[in-house]
N, C-alpha and C. Protein backbone atom coordinates (compact mmCIF):
# COMPACT_ATOMS: atom_id res chain seq x y z
N MET A 1 24.49 -5.57 4.09
CA MET A 1 23.00 -5.03 3.11
C MET A 1 22.98 -3.68 3.25
N LYS A 2 22.49 -3.08 2.00
CA LYS A 2 22.23 -1.64 1.98
C LYS A 2 20.65 -1.73 1.91
N LYS A 3 20.12 -0.99 2.95
CA LYS A 3 18.62 -1.08 3.23
C LYS A 3 18.15 -0.04 1.97
N ASN A 4 16.88 -0.22 1.77
CA ASN A 4 16.04 0.87 0.90
C ASN A 4 15.77 2.14 1.34
N TYR A 5 16.07 3.25 1.00
CA TYR A 5 15.86 4.63 1.55
C TYR A 5 14.51 4.52 2.07
N ILE A 6 13.40 3.92 1.31
CA ILE A 6 12.00 4.38 1.25
C ILE A 6 11.67 3.55 2.77
N GLN A 7 12.41 2.24 3.01
CA GLN A 7 12.14 1.50 4.23
C GLN A 7 12.71 2.38 5.49
N VAL A 8 13.91 2.92 5.27
CA VAL A 8 14.51 3.80 6.65
C VAL A 8 13.61 4.69 6.32
N PHE A 9 13.23 5.58 5.69
CA PHE A 9 12.47 6.78 5.89
C PHE A 9 11.23 6.25 6.84
N PHE A 10 10.44 5.23 6.41
CA PHE A 10 9.14 5.24 6.64
C PHE A 10 9.64 4.30 8.32
N LEU A 11 10.55 3.50 8.44
CA LEU A 11 10.64 3.15 9.74
C LEU A 11 10.98 4.24 10.91
N LEU A 12 11.68 5.72 10.40
CA LEU A 12 12.11 6.66 10.95
C LEU A 12 10.42 7.54 11.26
N LEU A 13 10.02 7.39 10.15
CA LEU A 13 8.42 8.02 10.55
C LEU A 13 7.51 7.51 11.58
N ILE A 14 7.65 6.05 11.34
CA ILE A 14 6.89 5.25 12.28
C ILE A 14 7.28 5.27 13.39
N LYS A 15 8.69 5.60 14.08
CA LYS A 15 9.10 5.72 15.40
C LYS A 15 8.40 7.36 15.94
N LYS A 16 8.77 8.16 15.02
CA LYS A 16 8.35 9.36 15.39
C LYS A 16 6.92 9.65 15.56
N SER A 17 6.10 8.87 15.27
CA SER A 17 4.61 8.92 15.28
C SER A 17 3.75 7.99 16.19
N GLN A 18 4.66 7.12 16.78
CA GLN A 18 4.00 6.21 17.85
C GLN A 18 3.24 6.96 18.79
N LYS A 19 3.55 7.95 19.11
CA LYS A 19 3.11 8.59 20.32
C LYS A 19 1.68 9.33 19.62
N THR A 20 2.02 9.58 18.57
CA THR A 20 0.61 10.58 17.78
C THR A 20 -0.53 9.12 17.52
N ALA A 21 0.17 7.82 17.48
CA ALA A 21 -0.82 6.97 16.98
C ALA A 21 -1.28 6.34 18.45
N THR A 22 -0.62 6.29 19.45
CA THR A 22 -1.11 6.21 20.81
C THR A 22 -2.18 7.08 21.04
N PHE A 23 -2.07 8.29 20.88
CA PHE A 23 -3.16 9.83 21.07
C PHE A 23 -4.16 9.04 20.27
N TYR A 24 -4.31 8.77 19.23
CA TYR A 24 -5.53 8.90 17.90
C TYR A 24 -6.36 7.40 18.76
N GLN A 25 -5.61 6.52 19.03
CA GLN A 25 -5.94 5.21 19.74
C GLN A 25 -6.85 5.67 21.18
N ALA A 26 -5.95 6.35 21.78
CA ALA A 26 -6.90 7.07 22.91
C ALA A 26 -8.15 7.66 22.86
N VAL A 27 -8.14 8.65 21.84
CA VAL A 27 -9.25 9.60 21.62
C VAL A 27 -10.38 8.76 20.93
N SER A 28 -10.30 7.63 19.71
CA SER A 28 -11.06 7.38 19.06
C SER A 28 -11.05 5.54 19.62
N SER A 29 -11.75 5.31 20.81
CA SER A 29 -11.72 4.21 21.40
C SER A 29 -12.40 3.01 20.43
N ASN A 30 -13.53 3.63 19.57
CA ASN A 30 -14.47 2.63 19.11
C ASN A 30 -14.00 2.46 17.38
N ILE A 31 -12.97 3.03 16.88
CA ILE A 31 -12.24 2.80 15.65
C ILE A 31 -11.18 2.18 15.76
N THR A 32 -10.95 1.16 15.26
CA THR A 32 -9.67 0.46 15.36
C THR A 32 -8.51 1.18 14.34
N GLU A 33 -7.57 1.49 14.39
CA GLU A 33 -6.47 2.12 13.75
C GLU A 33 -5.48 1.40 13.33
N MET A 34 -4.95 1.74 11.97
CA MET A 34 -4.08 0.67 11.62
C MET A 34 -2.56 0.83 12.53
N LYS A 35 -2.10 -0.34 12.95
CA LYS A 35 -0.73 -0.20 13.74
C LYS A 35 0.02 -0.19 12.81
N THR A 36 1.40 -0.15 13.60
CA THR A 36 2.77 0.22 12.84
C THR A 36 3.10 -1.01 12.15
N ASP A 37 2.91 -2.23 12.78
CA ASP A 37 3.21 -3.44 12.16
C ASP A 37 2.59 -4.01 10.96
N GLU A 38 1.11 -3.66 11.38
CA GLU A 38 0.15 -3.54 9.99
C GLU A 38 0.58 -3.07 8.77
N PHE A 39 0.75 -1.80 8.87
CA PHE A 39 1.56 -0.86 7.66
C PHE A 39 2.79 -1.27 7.29
N ILE A 40 3.71 -2.10 8.07
CA ILE A 40 4.87 -2.48 7.43
C ILE A 40 4.36 -4.12 6.73
N THR A 41 3.23 -4.84 7.15
CA THR A 41 2.75 -6.03 6.55
C THR A 41 2.35 -5.85 5.27
N ARG A 42 1.17 -4.79 5.42
CA ARG A 42 0.26 -4.76 4.40
C ARG A 42 0.83 -3.80 3.19
N ILE A 43 1.38 -2.60 3.55
CA ILE A 43 1.61 -1.70 2.71
C ILE A 43 3.03 -1.19 2.55
N LEU A 44 3.92 -1.54 3.10
CA LEU A 44 5.44 -1.20 2.57
C LEU A 44 5.81 -2.29 1.67
N PRO A 45 4.94 -3.59 1.38
CA PRO A 45 5.45 -4.74 0.27
C PRO A 45 5.14 -4.00 -1.07
N LEU A 46 4.04 -3.33 -0.91
CA LEU A 46 3.18 -2.69 -2.31
C LEU A 46 4.56 -1.50 -2.64
N LYS A 47 5.54 -0.93 -2.38
CA LYS A 47 6.14 0.36 -2.64
C LYS A 47 7.02 -0.46 -4.10
N ASP A 48 7.14 -1.39 -4.39
CA ASP A 48 7.82 -1.96 -5.74
C ASP A 48 6.84 -1.91 -6.93
N ASN A 49 5.64 -2.08 -6.58
CA ASN A 49 4.61 -2.03 -7.85
C ASN A 49 4.19 -0.40 -7.80
N LEU A 50 4.03 0.23 -6.61
CA LEU A 50 3.76 1.63 -6.65
C LEU A 50 4.95 2.37 -7.73
N LEU A 51 6.07 2.26 -7.00
CA LEU A 51 7.05 2.70 -8.15
C LEU A 51 7.52 2.42 -9.67
N ARG A 52 6.84 1.15 -9.59
CA ARG A 52 6.92 0.83 -11.39
C ARG A 52 5.54 1.67 -12.05
N VAL A 53 4.49 1.91 -11.55
CA VAL A 53 3.67 2.53 -11.78
C VAL A 53 3.83 4.30 -12.08
N ALA A 54 4.17 4.55 -10.78
CA ALA A 54 4.87 5.94 -11.05
C ALA A 54 5.87 6.46 -12.11
N TYR A 55 6.71 5.06 -12.14
CA TYR A 55 7.85 5.42 -12.87
C TYR A 55 7.35 5.20 -14.57
N ARG A 56 6.47 4.28 -14.88
CA ARG A 56 5.53 4.10 -16.04
C ARG A 56 4.87 5.35 -16.49
N ILE A 57 4.60 6.23 -15.62
CA ILE A 57 3.81 7.54 -15.62
C ILE A 57 4.59 8.34 -16.21
N THR A 58 5.79 8.80 -15.01
CA THR A 58 6.58 10.05 -14.96
C THR A 58 7.67 9.99 -16.14
N GLY A 59 8.42 8.33 -16.17
CA GLY A 59 9.52 8.51 -16.65
C GLY A 59 10.60 8.76 -15.92
N ASN A 60 10.54 9.20 -14.81
CA ASN A 60 11.82 9.66 -14.12
C ASN A 60 12.01 9.02 -12.77
N ALA A 61 12.98 8.44 -12.70
CA ALA A 61 13.41 7.67 -11.13
C ALA A 61 13.08 8.33 -10.03
N GLU A 62 13.59 9.60 -10.24
CA GLU A 62 13.77 10.47 -8.62
C GLU A 62 12.30 10.76 -8.43
N ARG A 63 11.50 11.48 -9.35
CA ARG A 63 10.63 11.94 -9.24
C ARG A 63 9.24 10.79 -8.96
N SER A 64 9.57 9.31 -9.71
CA SER A 64 8.74 8.32 -8.81
C SER A 64 9.19 7.86 -7.74
N GLU A 65 10.29 8.02 -7.08
CA GLU A 65 10.59 7.79 -5.57
C GLU A 65 10.18 8.72 -5.07
N GLN A 66 9.76 9.86 -5.20
CA GLN A 66 9.07 11.12 -4.55
C GLN A 66 7.83 10.96 -4.27
N ILE A 67 7.12 10.59 -5.49
CA ILE A 67 5.90 10.01 -5.35
C ILE A 67 5.17 8.88 -4.76
N VAL A 68 6.16 7.91 -4.52
CA VAL A 68 5.87 6.74 -3.51
C VAL A 68 5.95 7.50 -2.22
N GLN A 69 6.88 7.80 -1.79
CA GLN A 69 7.26 8.40 -0.62
C GLN A 69 5.85 9.28 -0.16
N ASP A 70 5.36 10.20 -0.79
CA ASP A 70 4.58 11.13 -0.67
C ASP A 70 3.14 10.02 -0.52
N VAL A 71 3.05 9.18 -1.33
CA VAL A 71 1.83 8.42 -1.13
C VAL A 71 1.88 7.59 0.26
N MET A 72 3.10 7.08 0.75
CA MET A 72 3.18 6.35 1.98
C MET A 72 2.96 7.19 3.06
N LEU A 73 3.09 8.49 3.06
CA LEU A 73 2.81 9.62 3.84
C LEU A 73 1.72 9.58 4.02
N LYS A 74 0.79 9.85 2.83
CA LYS A 74 -0.77 9.91 2.49
C LYS A 74 -1.44 8.74 3.57
N VAL A 75 -0.88 7.86 2.94
CA VAL A 75 -1.69 6.21 3.54
C VAL A 75 -1.53 6.09 4.95
N TRP A 76 0.20 6.39 5.59
CA TRP A 76 0.19 6.42 7.04
C TRP A 76 -0.82 7.73 7.65
N GLY A 77 -1.08 8.87 7.25
CA GLY A 77 -1.48 9.82 7.68
C GLY A 77 -3.20 9.97 7.68
N GLU A 78 -3.63 8.67 6.90
CA GLU A 78 -5.00 8.17 6.84
C GLU A 78 -5.39 6.80 7.25
N ARG A 79 -4.27 6.44 8.50
CA ARG A 79 -4.88 5.08 8.89
C ARG A 79 -5.96 4.98 9.53
N ALA A 80 -6.59 5.92 9.98
CA ALA A 80 -7.81 5.82 10.86
C ALA A 80 -9.08 5.43 9.67
N ALA A 81 -8.79 5.57 8.38
CA ALA A 81 -10.10 5.22 7.33
C ALA A 81 -9.73 3.80 6.87
N TRP A 82 -8.92 3.06 7.45
CA TRP A 82 -8.49 1.96 6.83
C TRP A 82 -9.71 0.83 6.73
N ILE A 83 -10.62 1.27 7.86
CA ILE A 83 -11.64 0.17 8.07
C ILE A 83 -12.93 0.43 7.17
N VAL A 84 -12.67 1.47 6.42
CA VAL A 84 -14.19 1.92 5.30
C VAL A 84 -13.14 1.58 3.97
N ILE A 85 -12.03 1.37 3.62
CA ILE A 85 -11.57 1.10 2.66
C ILE A 85 -11.29 -0.49 2.22
N GLU A 86 -12.18 -0.88 1.28
CA GLU A 86 -12.38 -2.61 1.00
C GLU A 86 -11.00 -3.20 0.77
N ASP A 87 -10.40 -2.56 -0.53
CA ASP A 87 -8.95 -3.06 -1.19
C ASP A 87 -8.05 -2.23 -1.01
N ILE A 88 -7.07 -2.56 -0.02
CA ILE A 88 -6.11 -1.43 0.24
C ILE A 88 -4.75 -1.33 -1.05
N PRO A 89 -4.48 -2.42 -1.35
CA PRO A 89 -3.44 -2.23 -2.72
C PRO A 89 -4.16 -1.32 -3.76
N SER A 90 -5.57 -1.89 -4.13
CA SER A 90 -6.10 -0.71 -5.37
C SER A 90 -6.22 0.81 -4.90
N TYR A 91 -6.56 0.95 -3.59
CA TYR A 91 -6.53 2.26 -3.01
C TYR A 91 -5.02 3.01 -3.43
N CYS A 92 -4.06 2.20 -2.86
CA CYS A 92 -2.67 2.49 -3.11
C CYS A 92 -2.27 3.09 -4.19
N LEU A 93 -2.44 1.97 -5.34
CA LEU A 93 -2.39 2.16 -6.67
C LEU A 93 -2.82 3.15 -7.43
N MET A 94 -4.10 3.81 -6.85
CA MET A 94 -5.12 4.69 -7.53
C MET A 94 -4.37 6.04 -6.85
N VAL A 95 -4.16 6.22 -5.79
CA VAL A 95 -3.31 7.35 -5.12
C VAL A 95 -2.42 7.68 -5.84
N THR A 96 -1.20 6.47 -6.44
CA THR A 96 0.11 6.85 -6.66
C THR A 96 -0.18 7.53 -8.06
N ARG A 97 -1.05 6.86 -9.08
CA ARG A 97 -1.54 7.13 -10.20
C ARG A 97 -1.87 8.42 -10.02
N ASN A 98 -2.79 8.79 -9.08
CA ASN A 98 -3.29 10.18 -9.29
C ASN A 98 -2.34 11.26 -8.88
N MET A 99 -1.50 11.07 -8.03
CA MET A 99 -0.33 12.13 -7.75
C MET A 99 0.56 12.23 -9.17
N ALA A 100 0.94 10.79 -9.67
CA ALA A 100 1.90 10.93 -10.74
C ALA A 100 1.17 11.64 -11.85
N LEU A 101 0.03 11.62 -12.24
CA LEU A 101 -0.50 12.34 -13.31
C LEU A 101 -0.78 13.78 -12.92
N ASP A 102 -0.73 14.10 -11.56
CA ASP A 102 -0.71 15.37 -11.26
C ASP A 102 0.34 16.08 -11.33
N THR A 103 1.83 15.41 -11.07
CA THR A 103 3.11 15.71 -10.97
C THR A 103 2.91 16.31 -12.65
N ILE A 104 2.78 14.92 -13.39
CA ILE A 104 3.08 15.29 -14.72
C ILE A 104 2.19 16.61 -15.43
N ASN A 105 1.07 16.62 -15.41
CA ASN A 105 0.33 17.90 -15.36
C ASN A 105 0.98 19.36 -15.12
N LEU A 106 1.33 19.33 -13.82
CA LEU A 106 2.13 20.31 -13.16
C LEU A 106 3.20 20.83 -13.80
N GLN A 107 4.21 19.75 -14.17
CA GLN A 107 5.43 19.68 -15.01
C GLN A 107 5.11 20.32 -16.39
N ARG A 108 4.16 20.00 -17.05
CA ARG A 108 3.67 20.78 -18.09
C ARG A 108 3.19 22.08 -18.27
N LYS A 109 2.69 22.41 -17.25
CA LYS A 109 2.31 23.70 -17.08
C LYS A 109 3.46 24.75 -17.17
N ARG A 110 4.51 23.96 -15.93
CA ARG A 110 5.40 24.87 -15.86
C ARG A 110 6.28 24.84 -17.22
N THR A 111 6.63 24.04 -17.84
CA THR A 111 7.09 24.33 -19.09
C THR A 111 6.51 25.09 -19.92
N GLU A 112 5.11 25.11 -19.93
CA GLU A 112 4.36 25.82 -21.06
C GLU A 112 4.69 27.14 -20.70
N CYS A 113 4.79 27.82 -19.52
CA CYS A 113 5.17 29.28 -18.93
C CYS A 113 6.16 29.88 -19.50
N PHE A 114 7.28 28.75 -19.51
CA PHE A 114 8.56 29.64 -20.05
C PHE A 114 8.86 29.23 -21.53
N THR A 115 8.31 28.59 -22.46
CA THR A 115 8.26 28.07 -23.79
C THR A 115 8.07 29.56 -24.62
N VAL A 116 9.00 29.65 -25.42
CA VAL A 116 9.09 30.99 -26.28
C VAL A 116 8.45 30.50 -27.47
N ARG A 117 7.52 30.87 -27.96
CA ARG A 117 6.83 30.70 -29.43
C ARG A 117 7.08 31.84 -30.55
């Protein structure tokens, strides 16, 4: 069975950052952070929906996968703030939408610079 590249990427990322996660846990004893298994159960199942949203905005499969990977990295990097966020799926969709729109705007600016009139 072929694993999805995004899942493999994030499993490797999680393994590498376990030392960092334990460091954060030791430093901030009164703040509970997102654990790796919580990330896998709550965030990774959203990747298909995030990919659909990104693809709908960008129209490019490769760019959409890159956006979803960036969103997952951002979510993992901000795991200490999850106790403040009320609705995690909505937050992930919002971040995906914003990153996709930023990507489209950046692409438009790049093509405008090279367009001969």
